[in-house]
């Protein structure tokens, strides 16, 4: 079965819808998570948990996530500084 233009169009459309959905979720994450929690669906984040109750593995994962976020912000700040200079 060969890949046709319909396959490519469907893939691109699906990718666009997925990206839009993710953007809208992240923009309204607090509201969506609260709505889900109100309806019995527990959405938990590693960062939202109490560190005292986390295992070593979960703490290391949270640490790595924080280090990644710090590196991204530092990179963005250095890029912004380069653009203004």
PDB file of N, CA and C in Angstrom:
ATOM      1  N   UNK A   1       0.850  -1.172   0.000  1.00  0.00           N
ATOM      2  CA  UNK A   1       0.000   0.000   0.000  1.00  0.00           C
ATOM      3  C   UNK A   1       0.896   1.237   0.000  1.00  0.00           C
ATOM      4  N   UNK A   2       0.722   2.050  -0.998  1.00  0.00           N
ATOM      5  CA  UNK A   2       1.539   3.258  -1.150  1.00  0.00           C
ATOM      6  C   UNK A   2       0.938   4.403  -0.332  1.00  0.00           C
ATOM      7  N   UNK A   3       1.799   5.299   0.066  1.00  0.00           N
ATOM      8  CA  UNK A   3       1.346   6.480   0.803  1.00  0.00           C
ATOM      9  C   UNK A   3       0.862   7.504  -0.218  1.00  0.00           C
ATOM     10  N   UNK A   4      -0.376   7.923  -0.059  1.00  0.00           N
ATOM     11  CA  UNK A   4      -0.949   8.887  -1.001  1.00  0.00           C
ATOM     12  C   UNK A   4      -1.011  10.272  -0.368  1.00  0.00           C
ATOM     13  N   UNK A   5      -1.426  11.235  -1.161  1.00  0.00           N
ATOM     14  CA  UNK A   5      -1.547  12.606  -0.654  1.00  0.00           C
ATOM     15  C   UNK A   5      -2.616  12.688   0.438  1.00  0.00           C
ATOM     16  N   UNK A   6      -3.593  11.793   0.405  1.00  0.00           N
ATOM     17  CA  UNK A   6      -4.620  11.777   1.453  1.00  0.00           C
ATOM     18  C   UNK A   6      -4.017  11.367   2.793  1.00  0.00           C
ATOM     19  N   UNK A   7      -3.072  10.427   2.759  1.00  0.00           N
ATOM     20  CA  UNK A   7      -2.395  10.020   3.989  1.00  0.00           C
ATOM     21  C   UNK A   7      -1.617  11.184   4.582  1.00  0.00           C
ATOM     22  N   UNK A   8      -0.884  11.874   3.734  1.00  0.00           N
ATOM     23  CA  UNK A   8      -0.071  13.010   4.187  1.00  0.00           C
ATOM     24  C   UNK A   8      -0.968  14.111   4.724  1.00  0.00           C
ATOM     25  N   UNK A   9      -2.061  14.403   4.020  1.00  0.00           N
ATOM     26  CA  UNK A   9      -3.006  15.432   4.462  1.00  0.00           C
ATOM     27  C   UNK A   9      -3.609  15.066   5.815  1.00  0.00           C
ATOM     28  N   UNK A  10      -3.995  13.830   5.982  1.00  0.00           N
ATOM     29  CA  UNK A  10      -4.553  13.370   7.252  1.00  0.00           C
ATOM     30  C   UNK A  10      -3.553  13.462   8.377  1.00  0.00           C
ATOM     31  N   UNK A  11      -2.303  13.098   8.095  1.00  0.00           N
ATOM     32  CA  UNK A  11      -1.250  13.177   9.105  1.00  0.00           C
ATOM     33  C   UNK A  11      -1.013  14.620   9.529  1.00  0.00           C
ATOM     34  N   UNK A  12      -0.911  15.510   8.558  1.00  0.00           N
ATOM     35  CA  UNK A  12      -0.668  16.923   8.857  1.00  0.00           C
ATOM     36  C   UNK A  12      -1.839  17.520   9.632  1.00  0.00           C
ATOM     37  N   UNK A  13      -3.072  17.179   9.231  1.00  0.00           N
ATOM     38  CA  UNK A  13      -4.251  17.685   9.939  1.00  0.00           C
ATOM     39  C   UNK A  13      -4.266  17.169  11.384  1.00  0.00           C
ATOM     40  N   UNK A  14      -3.971  15.899  11.575  1.00  0.00           N
ATOM     41  CA  UNK A  14      -3.930  15.327  12.920  1.00  0.00           C
ATOM     42  C   UNK A  14      -2.849  15.956  13.769  1.00  0.00           C
ATOM     43  N   UNK A  15      -1.703  16.213  13.175  1.00  0.00           N
ATOM     44  CA  UNK A  15      -0.615  16.856  13.888  1.00  0.00           C
ATOM     45  C   UNK A  15      -1.008  18.273  14.305  1.00  0.00           C
ATOM     46  N   UNK A  16      -1.679  18.994  13.418  1.00  0.00           N
ATOM     47  CA  UNK A  16      -2.127  20.347  13.726  1.00  0.00           C
ATOM     48  C   UNK A  16      -3.146  20.371  14.848  1.00  0.00           C
ATOM     49  N   UNK A  17      -4.110  19.461  14.794  1.00  0.00           N
ATOM     50  CA  UNK A  17      -5.132  19.384  15.835  1.00  0.00           C
ATOM     51  C   UNK A  17      -4.499  19.014  17.167  1.00  0.00           C
ATOM     52  N   UNK A  18      -3.546  18.101  17.150  1.00  0.00           N
ATOM     53  CA  UNK A  18      -2.866  17.708  18.385  1.00  0.00           C
ATOM     54  C   UNK A  18      -2.089  18.875  18.986  1.00  0.00           C
ATOM     55  N   UNK A  19      -1.382  19.610  18.145  1.00  0.00           N
ATOM     56  CA  UNK A  19      -0.614  20.759  18.631  1.00  0.00           C
ATOM     57  C   UNK A  19      -1.541  21.828  19.194  1.00  0.00           C
ATOM     58  N   UNK A  20      -2.634  22.101  18.512  1.00  0.00           N
ATOM     59  CA  UNK A  20      -3.596  23.089  18.998  1.00  0.00           C
ATOM     60  C   UNK A  20      -4.208  22.654  20.327  1.00  0.00           C
ATOM     61  N   UNK A  21      -4.567  21.384  20.425  1.00  0.00           N
ATOM     62  CA  UNK A  21      -5.151  20.864  21.667  1.00  0.00           C
ATOM     63  C   UNK A  21      -4.166  20.975  22.819  1.00  0.00           C
ATOM     64  N   UNK A  22      -2.910  20.626  22.587  1.00  0.00           N
ATOM     65  CA  UNK A  22      -1.891  20.722  23.636  1.00  0.00           C
ATOM     66  C   UNK A  22      -1.701  22.173  24.061  1.00  0.00           C
ATOM     67  N   UNK A  23      -1.645  23.095  23.097  1.00  0.00           N
ATOM     68  CA  UNK A  23      -1.490  24.518  23.411  1.00  0.00           C
ATOM     69  C   UNK A  23      -2.652  25.006  24.270  1.00  0.00           C
ATOM     70  N   UNK A  24      -3.880  24.670  23.868  1.00  0.00           N
ATOM     71  CA  UNK A  24      -5.049  25.119  24.623  1.00  0.00           C
ATOM     72  C   UNK A  24      -5.075  24.505  26.020  1.00  0.00           C
ATOM     73  N   UNK A  25      -4.662  23.233  26.134  1.00  0.00           N
ATOM     74  CA  UNK A  25      -4.611  22.601  27.454  1.00  0.00           C
ATOM     75  C   UNK A  25      -3.606  23.323  28.352  1.00  0.00           C
ATOM     76  N   UNK A  26      -2.392  23.558  27.836  1.00  0.00           N
ATOM     77  CA  UNK A  26      -1.372  24.207  28.660  1.00  0.00           C
ATOM     78  C   UNK A  26      -1.785  25.627  29.037  1.00  0.00           C
ATOM     79  N   UNK A  27      -2.486  26.317  28.152  1.00  0.00           N
ATOM     80  CA  UNK A  27      -2.939  27.671  28.429  1.00  0.00           C
ATOM     81  C   UNK A  27      -3.982  27.679  29.548  1.00  0.00           C
ATOM     82  N   UNK A  28      -4.806  26.640  29.612  1.00  0.00           N
ATOM     83  CA  UNK A  28      -5.886  26.549  30.593  1.00  0.00           C
ATOM     84  C   UNK A  28      -5.706  25.360  31.524  1.00  0.00           C
ATOM     85  N   UNK A  29      -4.470  24.976  31.794  1.00  0.00           N
ATOM     86  CA  UNK A  29      -4.195  23.754  32.543  1.00  0.00           C
ATOM     87  C   UNK A  29      -4.829  23.745  33.924  1.00  0.00           C
ATOM     88  N   UNK A  30      -4.765  24.834  34.642  1.00  0.00           N
ATOM     89  CA  UNK A  30      -5.320  24.863  35.998  1.00  0.00           C
ATOM     90  C   UNK A  30      -6.834  24.629  35.965  1.00  0.00           C
ATOM     91  N   UNK A  31      -7.514  25.278  35.033  1.00  0.00           N
ATOM     92  CA  UNK A  31      -8.972  25.118  34.926  1.00  0.00           C
ATOM     93  C   UNK A  31      -9.346  23.691  34.525  1.00  0.00           C
ATOM     94  N   UNK A  32      -8.621  23.145  33.555  1.00  0.00           N
ATOM     95  CA  UNK A  32      -8.919  21.786  33.083  1.00  0.00           C
ATOM     96  C   UNK A  32      -8.658  20.771  34.187  1.00  0.00           C
ATOM     97  N   UNK A  33      -7.523  20.915  34.871  1.00  0.00           N
ATOM     98  CA  UNK A  33      -7.203  19.982  35.950  1.00  0.00           C
ATOM     99  C   UNK A  33      -8.226  20.070  37.085  1.00  0.00           C
ATOM    100  N   UNK A  34      -8.670  21.278  37.404  1.00  0.00           N
ATOM    101  CA  UNK A  34      -9.686  21.443  38.448  1.00  0.00           C
ATOM    102  C   UNK A  34     -10.998  20.796  38.020  1.00  0.00           C
ATOM    103  N   UNK A  35     -11.388  20.991  36.762  1.00  0.00           N
ATOM    104  CA  UNK A  35     -12.608  20.378  36.232  1.00  0.00           C
ATOM    105  C   UNK A  35     -12.526  18.853  36.327  1.00  0.00           C
ATOM    106  N   UNK A  36     -11.387  18.293  35.928  1.00  0.00           N
ATOM    107  CA  UNK A  36     -11.221  16.844  35.996  1.00  0.00           C
ATOM    108  C   UNK A  36     -11.238  16.353  37.442  1.00  0.00           C
ATOM    109  N   UNK A  37     -10.576  17.087  38.338  1.00  0.00           N
ATOM    110  CA  UNK A  37     -10.586  16.706  39.754  1.00  0.00           C
ATOM    111  C   UNK A  37     -11.996  16.750  40.325  1.00  0.00           C
ATOM    112  N   UNK A  38     -12.792  17.751  39.916  1.00  0.00           N
ATOM    113  CA  UNK A  38     -14.178  17.854  40.376  1.00  0.00           C
ATOM    114  C   UNK A  38     -15.021  16.672  39.921  1.00  0.00           C
ATOM    115  N   UNK A  39     -14.627  16.048  38.814  1.00  0.00           N
ATOM    116  CA  UNK A  39     -15.380  14.917  38.271  1.00  0.00           C
ATOM    117  C   UNK A  39     -14.733  13.570  38.591  1.00  0.00           C
ATOM    118  N   UNK A  40     -13.833  13.561  39.562  1.00  0.00           N
ATOM    119  CA  UNK A  40     -13.285  12.297  40.056  1.00  0.00           C
ATOM    120  C   UNK A  40     -12.075  11.780  39.319  1.00  0.00           C
ATOM    121  N   UNK A  41     -11.511  12.568  38.420  1.00  0.00           N
ATOM    122  CA  UNK A  41     -10.321  12.137  37.696  1.00  0.00           C
ATOM    123  C   UNK A  41      -9.130  12.860  38.302  1.00  0.00           C
ATOM    124  N   UNK A  42      -8.248  12.102  38.944  1.00  0.00           N
ATOM    125  CA  UNK A  42      -7.102  12.697  39.619  1.00  0.00           C
ATOM    126  C   UNK A  42      -5.978  12.928  38.621  1.00  0.00           C
ATOM    127  N   UNK A  43      -5.641  14.170  38.409  1.00  0.00           N
ATOM    128  CA  UNK A  43      -4.525  14.542  37.555  1.00  0.00           C
ATOM    129  C   UNK A  43      -3.441  15.064  38.474  1.00  0.00           C
ATOM    130  N   UNK A  44      -2.375  14.297  38.614  1.00  0.00           N
ATOM    131  CA  UNK A  44      -1.324  14.726  39.529  1.00  0.00           C
ATOM    132  C   UNK A  44      -0.056  15.022  38.745  1.00  0.00           C
ATOM    133  N   UNK A  45       0.663  15.962  39.224  1.00  0.00           N
ATOM    134  CA  UNK A  45       1.944  16.328  38.645  1.00  0.00           C
ATOM    135  C   UNK A  45       3.029  15.951  39.639  1.00  0.00           C
ATOM    136  N   UNK A  46       4.176  15.581  39.129  1.00  0.00           N
ATOM    137  CA  UNK A  46       5.294  15.228  40.016  1.00  0.00           C
ATOM    138  C   UNK A  46       5.651  16.437  40.871  1.00  0.00           C
ATOM    139  N   UNK A  47       5.575  17.641  40.297  1.00  0.00           N
ATOM    140  CA  UNK A  47       5.941  18.847  41.027  1.00  0.00           C
ATOM    141  C   UNK A  47       4.901  19.215  42.096  1.00  0.00           C
ATOM    142  N   UNK A  48       3.680  18.760  41.952  1.00  0.00           N
ATOM    143  CA  UNK A  48       2.616  19.137  42.883  1.00  0.00           C
ATOM    144  C   UNK A  48       2.582  18.233  44.122  1.00  0.00           C
ATOM    145  N   UNK A  49       3.340  17.152  44.099  1.00  0.00           N
ATOM    146  CA  UNK A  49       3.310  16.210  45.219  1.00  0.00           C
ATOM    147  C   UNK A  49       4.189  16.686  46.357  1.00  0.00           C
ATOM    148  N   UNK A  50       3.862  16.201  47.524  1.00  0.00           N
ATOM    149  CA  UNK A  50       4.637  16.506  48.726  1.00  0.00           C
ATOM    150  C   UNK A  50       5.972  15.768  48.652  1.00  0.00           C
ATOM    151  N   UNK A  51       7.081  16.475  48.677  1.00  0.00           N
ATOM    152  CA  UNK A  51       8.385  15.809  48.567  1.00  0.00           C
ATOM    153  C   UNK A  51       8.642  14.780  49.665  1.00  0.00           C
ATOM    154  N   UNK A  52       8.061  14.980  50.837  1.00  0.00           N
ATOM    155  CA  UNK A  52       8.270  14.036  51.944  1.00  0.00           C
ATOM    156  C   UNK A  52       7.697  12.653  51.641  1.00  0.00           C
ATOM    157  N   UNK A  53       6.672  12.588  50.792  1.00  0.00           N
ATOM    158  CA  UNK A  53       6.029  11.308  50.508  1.00  0.00           C
ATOM    159  C   UNK A  53       6.549  10.655  49.231  1.00  0.00           C
ATOM    160  N   UNK A  54       7.522  11.291  48.569  1.00  0.00           N
ATOM    161  CA  UNK A  54       8.021  10.773  47.302  1.00  0.00           C
ATOM    162  C   UNK A  54       9.170   9.796  47.517  1.00  0.00           C
ATOM    163  N   UNK A  55       9.279   8.819  46.611  1.00  0.00           N
ATOM    164  CA  UNK A  55      10.386   7.871  46.668  1.00  0.00           C
ATOM    165  C   UNK A  55      11.650   8.537  46.111  1.00  0.00           C
ATOM    166  N   UNK A  56      12.773   7.878  46.280  1.00  0.00           N
ATOM    167  CA  UNK A  56      14.041   8.403  45.753  1.00  0.00           C
ATOM    168  C   UNK A  56      13.939   8.571  44.239  1.00  0.00           C
ATOM    169  N   UNK A  57      13.364   7.594  43.582  1.00  0.00           N
ATOM    170  CA  UNK A  57      13.237   7.640  42.120  1.00  0.00           C
ATOM    171  C   UNK A  57      12.391   8.846  41.692  1.00  0.00           C
ATOM    172  N   UNK A  58      11.289   9.089  42.379  1.00  0.00           N
ATOM    173  CA  UNK A  58      10.429  10.228  42.057  1.00  0.00           C
ATOM    174  C   UNK A  58      11.137  11.553  42.349  1.00  0.00           C
ATOM    175  N   UNK A  59      11.903  11.614  43.436  1.00  0.00           N
ATOM    176  CA  UNK A  59      12.653  12.827  43.768  1.00  0.00           C
ATOM    177  C   UNK A  59      13.717  13.129  42.710  1.00  0.00           C
ATOM    178  N   UNK A  60      14.408  12.101  42.249  1.00  0.00           N
ATOM    179  CA  UNK A  60      15.426  12.293  41.213  1.00  0.00           C
ATOM    180  C   UNK A  60      14.774  12.777  39.919  1.00  0.00           C
ATOM    181  N   UNK A  61      13.635  12.203  39.570  1.00  0.00           N
ATOM    182  CA  UNK A  61      12.914  12.631  38.363  1.00  0.00           C
ATOM    183  C   UNK A  61      12.489  14.084  38.488  1.00  0.00           C
ATOM    184  N   UNK A  62      11.962  14.480  39.633  1.00  0.00           N
ATOM    185  CA  UNK A  62      11.559  15.868  39.860  1.00  0.00           C
ATOM    186  C   UNK A  62      12.762  16.796  39.770  1.00  0.00           C
ATOM    187  N   UNK A  63      13.895  16.363  40.327  1.00  0.00           N
ATOM    188  CA  UNK A  63      15.129  17.160  40.277  1.00  0.00           C
ATOM    189  C   UNK A  63      15.570  17.351  38.831  1.00  0.00           C
ATOM    190  N   UNK A  64      15.540  16.285  38.043  1.00  0.00           N
ATOM    191  CA  UNK A  64      15.932  16.377  36.642  1.00  0.00           C
ATOM    192  C   UNK A  64      14.990  17.295  35.866  1.00  0.00           C
ATOM    193  N   UNK A  65      13.700  17.208  36.149  1.00  0.00           N
ATOM    194  CA  UNK A  65      12.732  18.081  35.486  1.00  0.00           C
ATOM    195  C   UNK A  65      12.996  19.547  35.820  1.00  0.00           C
ATOM    196  N   UNK A  66      13.282  19.821  37.094  1.00  0.00           N
ATOM    197  CA  UNK A  66      13.597  21.191  37.503  1.00  0.00           C
ATOM    198  C   UNK A  66      14.884  21.693  36.845  1.00  0.00           C
ATOM    199  N   UNK A  67      15.894  20.847  36.782  1.00  0.00           N
ATOM    200  CA  UNK A  67      17.150  21.235  36.144  1.00  0.00           C
ATOM    201  C   UNK A  67      16.933  21.528  34.662  1.00  0.00           C
ATOM    202  N   UNK A  68      16.077  20.726  34.000  1.00  0.00           N
ATOM    203  CA  UNK A  68      15.761  20.975  32.595  1.00  0.00           C
ATOM    204  C   UNK A  68      15.058  22.313  32.417  1.00  0.00           C
ATOM    205  N   UNK A  69      14.101  22.609  33.300  1.00  0.00           N
ATOM    206  CA  UNK A  69      13.386  23.883  33.210  1.00  0.00           C
ATOM    207  C   UNK A  69      14.323  25.064  33.443  1.00  0.00           C
ATOM    208  N   UNK A  70      15.228  24.918  34.409  1.00  0.00           N
ATOM    209  CA  UNK A  70      16.195  25.984  34.691  1.00  0.00           C
ATOM    210  C   UNK A  70      17.096  26.213  33.479  1.00  0.00           C
ATOM    211  N   UNK A  71      17.570  25.137  32.877  1.00  0.00           N
ATOM    212  CA  UNK A  71      18.441  25.261  31.706  1.00  0.00           C
ATOM    213  C   UNK A  71      17.704  25.928  30.545  1.00  0.00           C
ATOM    214  N   UNK A  72      16.438  25.573  30.338  1.00  0.00           N
ATOM    215  CA  UNK A  72      15.646  26.196  29.268  1.00  0.00           C
ATOM    216  C   UNK A  72      15.483  27.694  29.508  1.00  0.00           C
ATOM    217  N   UNK A  73      15.165  28.066  30.732  1.00  0.00           N
ATOM    218  CA  UNK A  73      14.976  29.488  31.053  1.00  0.00           C
ATOM    219  C   UNK A  73      16.288  30.256  30.910  1.00  0.00           C
ATOM    220  N   UNK A  74      17.398  29.655  31.347  1.00  0.00           N
ATOM    221  CA  UNK A  74      18.692  30.322  31.193  1.00  0.00           C
ATOM    222  C   UNK A  74      19.038  30.499  29.724  1.00  0.00           C
ATOM    223  N   UNK A  75      18.739  29.475  28.916  1.00  0.00           N
ATOM    224  CA  UNK A  75      18.995  29.550  27.481  1.00  0.00           C
ATOM    225  C   UNK A  75      18.138  30.643  26.843  1.00  0.00           C
ATOM    226  N   UNK A  76      16.859  30.697  27.204  1.00  0.00           N
ATOM    227  CA  UNK A  76      15.963  31.728  26.670  1.00  0.00           C
ATOM    228  C   UNK A  76      16.449  33.119  27.068  1.00  0.00           C
ATOM    229  N   UNK A  77      16.903  33.256  28.305  1.00  0.00           N
ATOM    230  CA  UNK A  77      17.389  34.556  28.778  1.00  0.00           C
ATOM    231  C   UNK A  77      18.657  34.953  28.020  1.00  0.00           C
ATOM    232  N   UNK A  78      19.543  34.006  27.773  1.00  0.00           N
ATOM    233  CA  UNK A  78      20.769  34.342  27.043  1.00  0.00           C
ATOM    234  C   UNK A  78      20.461  34.680  25.596  1.00  0.00           C
ATOM    235  N   UNK A  79      19.474  34.009  24.997  1.00  0.00           N
ATOM    236  CA  UNK A  79      19.065  34.332  23.628  1.00  0.00           C
ATOM    237  C   UNK A  79      18.454  35.717  23.559  1.00  0.00           C
ATOM    238  N   UNK A  80      17.632  36.060  24.548  1.00  0.00           N
ATOM    239  CA  UNK A  80      17.003  37.383  24.584  1.00  0.00           C
ATOM    240  C   UNK A  80      18.063  38.463  24.754  1.00  0.00           C
ATOM    241  N   UNK A  81      19.084  38.191  25.547  1.00  0.00           N
ATOM    242  CA  UNK A  81      20.167  39.149  25.757  1.00  0.00           C
ATOM    243  C   UNK A  81      20.967  39.346  24.468  1.00  0.00           C
ATOM    244  N   UNK A  82      21.188  38.268  23.731  1.00  0.00           N
ATOM    245  CA  UNK A  82      21.927  38.357  22.464  1.00  0.00           C
ATOM    246  C   UNK A  82      21.141  39.159  21.431  1.00  0.00           C
ATOM    247  N   UNK A  83      19.820  39.011  21.424  1.00  0.00           N
ATOM    248  CA  UNK A  83      18.992  39.716  20.437  1.00  0.00           C
ATOM    249  C   UNK A  83      18.965  41.220  20.722  1.00  0.00           C
ATOM    250  N   UNK A  84      18.990  41.602  21.996  1.00  0.00           N
ATOM    251  CA  UNK A  84      18.925  43.016  22.347  1.00  0.00           C
ATOM    252  C   UNK A  84      20.295  43.687  22.233  1.00  0.00           C
ATOM    253  N   UNK A  85      21.360  42.893  22.241  1.00  0.00           N
ATOM    254  CA  UNK A  85      22.710  43.470  22.184  1.00  0.00           C
ATOM    255  C   UNK A  85      23.139  43.787  20.776  1.00  0.00           C
TER     256      UNK A  85
END
